[in-house]
N, C-alpha and C. Protein backbone atom coordinates (compact mmCIF):
# COMPACT_ATOMS: atom_id res chain seq x y z
N UNK A 1 7.23 -8.90 7.89
CA UNK A 1 5.82 -9.20 8.02
C UNK A 1 5.59 -10.71 8.00
N UNK A 2 6.30 -11.43 7.10
CA UNK A 2 6.15 -12.88 7.03
C UNK A 2 6.55 -13.52 8.36
N UNK A 3 7.61 -12.99 8.99
CA UNK A 3 8.08 -13.55 10.25
C UNK A 3 7.02 -13.39 11.33
N UNK A 4 6.41 -12.21 11.41
CA UNK A 4 5.36 -11.98 12.41
C UNK A 4 4.20 -12.93 12.18
N UNK A 5 3.81 -13.12 10.94
CA UNK A 5 2.70 -14.02 10.63
C UNK A 5 3.06 -15.45 11.00
N UNK A 6 4.29 -15.84 10.75
CA UNK A 6 4.73 -17.19 11.09
C UNK A 6 4.69 -17.41 12.60
N UNK A 7 5.14 -16.41 13.36
CA UNK A 7 5.14 -16.52 14.82
C UNK A 7 3.70 -16.58 15.33
N UNK A 8 2.83 -15.72 14.81
CA UNK A 8 1.43 -15.72 15.23
C UNK A 8 0.79 -17.06 14.89
N UNK A 9 1.07 -17.57 13.71
CA UNK A 9 0.52 -18.87 13.31
C UNK A 9 1.03 -19.98 14.22
N UNK A 10 2.31 -19.96 14.54
CA UNK A 10 2.89 -20.97 15.42
C UNK A 10 2.25 -20.90 16.80
N UNK A 11 2.14 -19.70 17.35
CA UNK A 11 1.55 -19.54 18.68
C UNK A 11 0.10 -19.99 18.68
N UNK A 12 -0.63 -19.68 17.62
CA UNK A 12 -2.04 -20.07 17.53
C UNK A 12 -2.17 -21.59 17.48
N UNK A 13 -1.21 -22.26 16.88
CA UNK A 13 -1.29 -23.71 16.75
C UNK A 13 -0.86 -24.44 18.02
N UNK A 14 -0.19 -23.74 18.92
CA UNK A 14 0.28 -24.36 20.15
C UNK A 14 -0.85 -24.41 21.17
N UNK A 15 -0.89 -25.47 21.93
CA UNK A 15 -1.91 -25.57 22.97
C UNK A 15 -1.52 -24.67 24.14
N UNK A 16 -2.50 -24.34 24.94
CA UNK A 16 -2.24 -23.50 26.11
C UNK A 16 -1.25 -24.19 27.05
N UNK A 17 -1.36 -25.51 27.17
CA UNK A 17 -0.44 -26.23 28.07
C UNK A 17 0.99 -26.16 27.56
N UNK A 18 1.17 -26.17 26.25
CA UNK A 18 2.52 -26.06 25.67
C UNK A 18 3.10 -24.68 25.98
N UNK A 19 2.28 -23.64 25.83
CA UNK A 19 2.75 -22.29 26.13
C UNK A 19 3.10 -22.13 27.60
N UNK A 20 2.25 -22.67 28.47
CA UNK A 20 2.52 -22.60 29.90
C UNK A 20 3.79 -23.37 30.23
N UNK A 21 3.96 -24.54 29.61
CA UNK A 21 5.15 -25.35 29.84
C UNK A 21 6.42 -24.60 29.41
N UNK A 22 6.37 -23.98 28.24
CA UNK A 22 7.53 -23.22 27.76
C UNK A 22 7.85 -22.07 28.69
N UNK A 23 6.81 -21.39 29.16
CA UNK A 23 6.99 -20.27 30.08
C UNK A 23 7.55 -20.77 31.41
N UNK A 24 7.05 -21.89 31.89
CA UNK A 24 7.54 -22.48 33.14
C UNK A 24 9.00 -22.88 33.00
N UNK A 25 9.36 -23.50 31.89
CA UNK A 25 10.75 -23.89 31.66
C UNK A 25 11.67 -22.67 31.70
N UNK A 26 11.24 -21.59 31.04
CA UNK A 26 12.05 -20.36 31.01
C UNK A 26 12.21 -19.78 32.41
N UNK A 27 11.15 -19.83 33.19
CA UNK A 27 11.22 -19.30 34.57
C UNK A 27 12.13 -20.17 35.43
N UNK A 28 12.04 -21.50 35.25
CA UNK A 28 12.91 -22.39 36.02
C UNK A 28 14.38 -22.17 35.65
N UNK A 29 14.65 -22.02 34.36
CA UNK A 29 16.03 -21.77 33.91
C UNK A 29 16.55 -20.45 34.46
N UNK A 30 15.70 -19.43 34.48
CA UNK A 30 16.11 -18.12 35.01
C UNK A 30 16.39 -18.22 36.51
N UNK A 31 15.55 -18.94 37.24
CA UNK A 31 15.79 -19.12 38.68
C UNK A 31 17.07 -19.92 38.90
N UNK A 32 17.30 -20.91 38.06
CA UNK A 32 18.52 -21.70 38.16
C UNK A 32 19.77 -20.88 37.87
N UNK A 33 19.65 -19.99 36.90
CA UNK A 33 20.79 -19.12 36.57
C UNK A 33 21.13 -18.23 37.76
N UNK A 34 20.10 -17.76 38.44
CA UNK A 34 20.32 -16.93 39.64
C UNK A 34 21.00 -17.75 40.74
N UNK A 35 20.53 -18.98 40.95
CA UNK A 35 21.17 -19.86 41.94
C UNK A 35 22.61 -20.19 41.55
N UNK A 36 22.85 -20.31 40.26
CA UNK A 36 24.19 -20.65 39.77
C UNK A 36 25.22 -19.58 40.15
N UNK A 37 24.76 -18.39 40.48
CA UNK A 37 25.72 -17.34 40.88
C UNK A 37 26.57 -17.81 42.05
N UNK A 38 26.04 -18.69 42.89
CA UNK A 38 26.83 -19.26 43.99
C UNK A 38 27.92 -20.19 43.45
N UNK A 39 27.62 -20.87 42.36
CA UNK A 39 28.55 -21.83 41.77
C UNK A 39 29.63 -21.14 40.92
N UNK A 40 29.26 -19.99 40.36
CA UNK A 40 30.14 -19.32 39.41
C UNK A 40 31.40 -18.75 40.05
N UNK A 41 31.45 -18.74 41.35
CA UNK A 41 32.69 -18.32 42.01
C UNK A 41 33.81 -19.31 41.71
N UNK A 42 33.43 -20.57 41.44
CA UNK A 42 34.43 -21.61 41.17
C UNK A 42 34.31 -22.25 39.79
N UNK A 43 33.13 -22.18 39.18
CA UNK A 43 32.89 -22.87 37.91
C UNK A 43 32.65 -21.90 36.77
N UNK A 44 33.29 -22.17 35.65
CA UNK A 44 33.16 -21.38 34.44
C UNK A 44 31.99 -21.88 33.60
N UNK A 45 31.40 -20.97 32.84
CA UNK A 45 30.42 -21.36 31.82
C UNK A 45 31.01 -21.07 30.45
N UNK A 46 32.30 -21.19 30.37
CA UNK A 46 33.05 -21.04 29.13
C UNK A 46 33.76 -22.37 28.89
N UNK A 47 33.42 -23.02 27.79
CA UNK A 47 33.99 -24.36 27.54
C UNK A 47 35.50 -24.34 27.34
N UNK A 48 36.07 -23.18 27.07
CA UNK A 48 37.51 -23.13 26.79
C UNK A 48 38.35 -22.92 28.04
N UNK A 49 37.68 -22.70 29.20
CA UNK A 49 38.50 -22.51 30.39
C UNK A 49 37.81 -23.02 31.65
N UNK A 50 38.64 -23.53 32.52
CA UNK A 50 38.20 -23.93 33.84
C UNK A 50 38.53 -22.80 34.79
N UNK A 51 37.92 -22.83 35.94
CA UNK A 51 38.25 -21.88 36.99
C UNK A 51 38.83 -22.71 38.13
N UNK A 52 38.51 -22.37 39.37
CA UNK A 52 38.95 -23.18 40.49
C UNK A 52 38.36 -24.58 40.36
N UNK A 53 37.14 -24.66 39.80
CA UNK A 53 36.48 -25.92 39.48
C UNK A 53 36.40 -26.05 37.97
N UNK A 54 35.96 -27.20 37.47
CA UNK A 54 35.88 -27.39 36.02
C UNK A 54 34.74 -26.60 35.39
N UNK A 55 34.85 -26.35 34.11
CA UNK A 55 33.77 -25.73 33.35
C UNK A 55 32.54 -26.63 33.42
N UNK A 56 31.38 -26.03 33.52
CA UNK A 56 30.16 -26.82 33.58
C UNK A 56 29.39 -26.81 32.25
N UNK A 57 30.02 -26.30 31.22
CA UNK A 57 29.41 -26.40 29.89
C UNK A 57 29.32 -27.88 29.53
N UNK A 58 28.14 -28.32 29.16
CA UNK A 58 27.94 -29.71 28.76
C UNK A 58 28.00 -30.72 29.90
N UNK A 59 27.83 -30.26 31.13
CA UNK A 59 27.95 -31.17 32.27
C UNK A 59 26.85 -32.23 32.27
N UNK A 60 25.64 -31.88 31.85
CA UNK A 60 24.55 -32.86 31.87
C UNK A 60 24.83 -33.94 30.82
N UNK A 61 24.92 -35.16 31.29
CA UNK A 61 25.22 -36.29 30.42
C UNK A 61 26.70 -36.64 30.33
N UNK A 62 27.55 -35.80 30.91
CA UNK A 62 28.99 -36.03 30.85
C UNK A 62 29.43 -36.97 31.97
N UNK A 63 30.44 -37.74 31.70
CA UNK A 63 31.03 -38.60 32.73
C UNK A 63 31.81 -37.71 33.70
N UNK A 64 31.69 -37.99 34.98
CA UNK A 64 32.40 -37.21 36.01
C UNK A 64 33.90 -37.32 35.80
N UNK A 65 34.59 -36.25 36.10
CA UNK A 65 36.06 -36.20 36.05
C UNK A 65 36.61 -36.47 34.66
N UNK A 66 35.89 -36.03 33.65
CA UNK A 66 36.31 -36.36 32.28
C UNK A 66 36.90 -35.20 31.48
N UNK A 67 36.90 -34.00 32.01
CA UNK A 67 37.52 -32.90 31.26
C UNK A 67 39.04 -33.05 31.34
N UNK A 68 39.71 -32.98 30.22
CA UNK A 68 41.16 -33.25 30.21
C UNK A 68 42.01 -32.19 30.89
N UNK A 69 41.51 -30.99 31.01
CA UNK A 69 42.35 -29.91 31.54
C UNK A 69 42.05 -29.59 33.01
N UNK A 70 41.59 -30.57 33.78
CA UNK A 70 41.28 -30.30 35.18
C UNK A 70 41.78 -31.44 36.05
N UNK A 71 42.36 -31.09 37.19
CA UNK A 71 42.91 -32.08 38.13
C UNK A 71 41.83 -32.46 39.15
N UNK A 72 41.10 -33.51 38.85
CA UNK A 72 40.03 -33.98 39.73
C UNK A 72 40.60 -34.79 40.89
N UNK A 73 39.81 -34.91 41.95
CA UNK A 73 40.21 -35.76 43.07
C UNK A 73 40.17 -37.23 42.64
N UNK A 74 40.94 -38.05 43.32
CA UNK A 74 40.90 -39.49 43.05
C UNK A 74 39.49 -40.03 43.26
N UNK A 75 38.83 -39.54 44.30
CA UNK A 75 37.48 -40.03 44.62
C UNK A 75 36.53 -39.79 43.45
N UNK A 76 36.58 -38.62 42.85
CA UNK A 76 35.68 -38.32 41.74
C UNK A 76 36.08 -39.09 40.49
N UNK A 77 37.38 -39.20 40.24
CA UNK A 77 37.84 -39.97 39.07
C UNK A 77 37.41 -41.43 39.14
N UNK A 78 37.41 -41.99 40.33
CA UNK A 78 37.07 -43.40 40.52
C UNK A 78 35.55 -43.63 40.66
N UNK A 79 34.78 -42.57 40.72
CA UNK A 79 33.34 -42.69 41.00
C UNK A 79 32.52 -43.33 39.88
N UNK A 80 32.98 -43.20 38.65
CA UNK A 80 32.26 -43.71 37.48
C UNK A 80 30.85 -43.14 37.35
N UNK A 81 30.66 -41.94 37.84
CA UNK A 81 29.37 -41.26 37.78
C UNK A 81 29.19 -40.61 36.42
N UNK A 82 27.99 -40.66 35.92
CA UNK A 82 27.60 -39.84 34.77
C UNK A 82 26.62 -38.80 35.32
N UNK A 83 26.81 -37.56 34.91
CA UNK A 83 26.00 -36.47 35.46
C UNK A 83 24.62 -36.42 34.81
N UNK A 84 23.78 -37.37 35.21
CA UNK A 84 22.38 -37.32 34.81
C UNK A 84 21.63 -36.53 35.90
N UNK A 85 20.36 -36.36 35.70
CA UNK A 85 19.59 -35.53 36.64
C UNK A 85 19.63 -36.09 38.07
N UNK A 86 19.51 -37.40 38.22
CA UNK A 86 19.53 -38.00 39.56
C UNK A 86 20.86 -37.80 40.27
N UNK A 87 21.96 -38.00 39.55
CA UNK A 87 23.27 -37.82 40.17
C UNK A 87 23.58 -36.35 40.44
N UNK A 88 23.14 -35.47 39.56
CA UNK A 88 23.31 -34.04 39.84
C UNK A 88 22.55 -33.65 41.10
N UNK A 89 21.34 -34.18 41.25
CA UNK A 89 20.53 -33.88 42.44
C UNK A 89 21.25 -34.35 43.71
N UNK A 90 21.82 -35.56 43.68
CA UNK A 90 22.54 -36.07 44.84
C UNK A 90 23.77 -35.21 45.15
N UNK A 91 24.48 -34.80 44.09
CA UNK A 91 25.67 -33.96 44.26
C UNK A 91 25.29 -32.61 44.87
N UNK A 92 24.24 -32.02 44.34
CA UNK A 92 23.80 -30.71 44.82
C UNK A 92 23.32 -30.79 46.26
N UNK A 93 22.70 -31.90 46.63
CA UNK A 93 22.17 -32.07 47.98
C UNK A 93 23.27 -32.28 49.02
N UNK A 94 24.40 -32.80 48.60
CA UNK A 94 25.50 -33.04 49.54
C UNK A 94 26.64 -33.75 48.86
N UNK A 95 27.45 -33.00 48.14
CA UNK A 95 28.51 -33.60 47.33
C UNK A 95 29.49 -34.43 48.15
N UNK A 96 29.81 -33.99 49.35
CA UNK A 96 30.79 -34.72 50.15
C UNK A 96 30.21 -36.02 50.73
N UNK A 97 28.90 -36.12 50.78
CA UNK A 97 28.26 -37.38 51.19
C UNK A 97 28.11 -38.31 49.99
N UNK A 98 27.82 -37.72 48.83
CA UNK A 98 27.62 -38.50 47.62
C UNK A 98 28.94 -39.10 47.12
N UNK A 99 30.00 -38.30 47.17
CA UNK A 99 31.33 -38.78 46.78
C UNK A 99 32.31 -38.39 47.89
N UNK A 100 32.39 -39.23 48.94
CA UNK A 100 33.34 -38.93 50.01
C UNK A 100 34.77 -38.83 49.45
N UNK A 101 35.48 -37.82 49.91
CA UNK A 101 36.86 -37.63 49.46
C UNK A 101 37.00 -36.64 48.32
N UNK A 102 35.87 -36.09 47.85
CA UNK A 102 35.97 -35.07 46.81
C UNK A 102 36.64 -33.83 47.38
N UNK A 103 37.32 -33.09 46.53
CA UNK A 103 37.99 -31.86 46.98
C UNK A 103 37.08 -30.65 46.93
N UNK A 104 35.96 -30.77 46.27
CA UNK A 104 35.05 -29.63 46.18
C UNK A 104 34.51 -29.33 47.56
N UNK A 105 34.48 -28.04 47.87
CA UNK A 105 33.96 -27.66 49.18
C UNK A 105 32.51 -28.12 49.29
N UNK A 106 32.06 -28.29 50.51
CA UNK A 106 30.72 -28.83 50.78
C UNK A 106 29.64 -27.96 50.14
N UNK A 107 28.75 -28.62 49.43
CA UNK A 107 27.58 -27.97 48.83
C UNK A 107 26.36 -28.66 49.41
N UNK A 108 25.36 -27.87 49.73
CA UNK A 108 24.13 -28.47 50.22
C UNK A 108 22.95 -27.59 49.84
N UNK A 109 22.29 -27.98 48.77
CA UNK A 109 21.02 -27.37 48.40
C UNK A 109 20.00 -28.50 48.50
N UNK A 110 19.26 -28.52 49.59
CA UNK A 110 18.34 -29.62 49.85
C UNK A 110 16.92 -29.33 49.39
N UNK A 111 16.62 -28.08 49.10
CA UNK A 111 15.28 -27.72 48.62
C UNK A 111 15.09 -28.28 47.21
N UNK A 112 14.10 -29.17 47.04
CA UNK A 112 13.90 -29.84 45.76
C UNK A 112 13.62 -28.84 44.64
N UNK A 113 12.86 -27.81 44.91
CA UNK A 113 12.57 -26.81 43.88
C UNK A 113 13.85 -26.11 43.44
N UNK A 114 14.71 -25.75 44.37
CA UNK A 114 15.97 -25.10 44.01
C UNK A 114 16.85 -26.06 43.22
N UNK A 115 16.85 -27.33 43.58
CA UNK A 115 17.59 -28.33 42.80
C UNK A 115 17.04 -28.38 41.37
N UNK A 116 15.71 -28.39 41.24
CA UNK A 116 15.08 -28.41 39.92
C UNK A 116 15.51 -27.21 39.10
N UNK A 117 15.53 -26.03 39.71
CA UNK A 117 15.91 -24.81 39.00
C UNK A 117 17.35 -24.90 38.52
N UNK A 118 18.23 -25.31 39.42
CA UNK A 118 19.65 -25.38 39.06
C UNK A 118 19.89 -26.41 37.96
N UNK A 119 19.25 -27.54 38.05
CA UNK A 119 19.41 -28.57 37.01
C UNK A 119 18.83 -28.08 35.69
N UNK A 120 17.71 -27.38 35.73
CA UNK A 120 17.13 -26.82 34.50
C UNK A 120 18.13 -25.87 33.84
N UNK A 121 18.82 -25.06 34.64
CA UNK A 121 19.82 -24.15 34.08
C UNK A 121 21.02 -24.93 33.53
N UNK A 122 21.50 -25.91 34.28
CA UNK A 122 22.65 -26.69 33.83
C UNK A 122 22.36 -27.37 32.49
N UNK A 123 21.13 -27.76 32.27
CA UNK A 123 20.75 -28.38 30.99
C UNK A 123 20.89 -27.42 29.82
N UNK A 124 20.86 -26.13 30.08
CA UNK A 124 20.99 -25.14 29.00
C UNK A 124 22.44 -24.90 28.62
N UNK A 125 23.37 -25.34 29.44
CA UNK A 125 24.80 -25.06 29.22
C UNK A 125 25.36 -26.08 28.23
N UNK A 126 25.30 -25.75 26.97
CA UNK A 126 25.76 -26.67 25.92
C UNK A 126 26.85 -26.04 25.09
């Protein structure tokens, strides 16, 4: 009963915009998770294992080519990229144009909303 009262009290204290924002974030993350199904053929969401591509757990904020158990291309190792939102967007829009010489097969998601969804999901992978 105390838990229900605490939740009701918390919700009552939140502004409508905060609730809408939280709901929007959850919807964006869910849409991103659905889009990620294309990526999951090669990328793991398990920090203890890589697949054909490296694990993407903790990718946001990580330096490119920095996981010790994965053989990255020379191009990606030399890129000195940190996976912030802007660089992830460029990679998603055309990885082979952003980092010529990468071994990852060509990816092209140019729809900004889809990029937003995917990045929102990647931010949850911690």
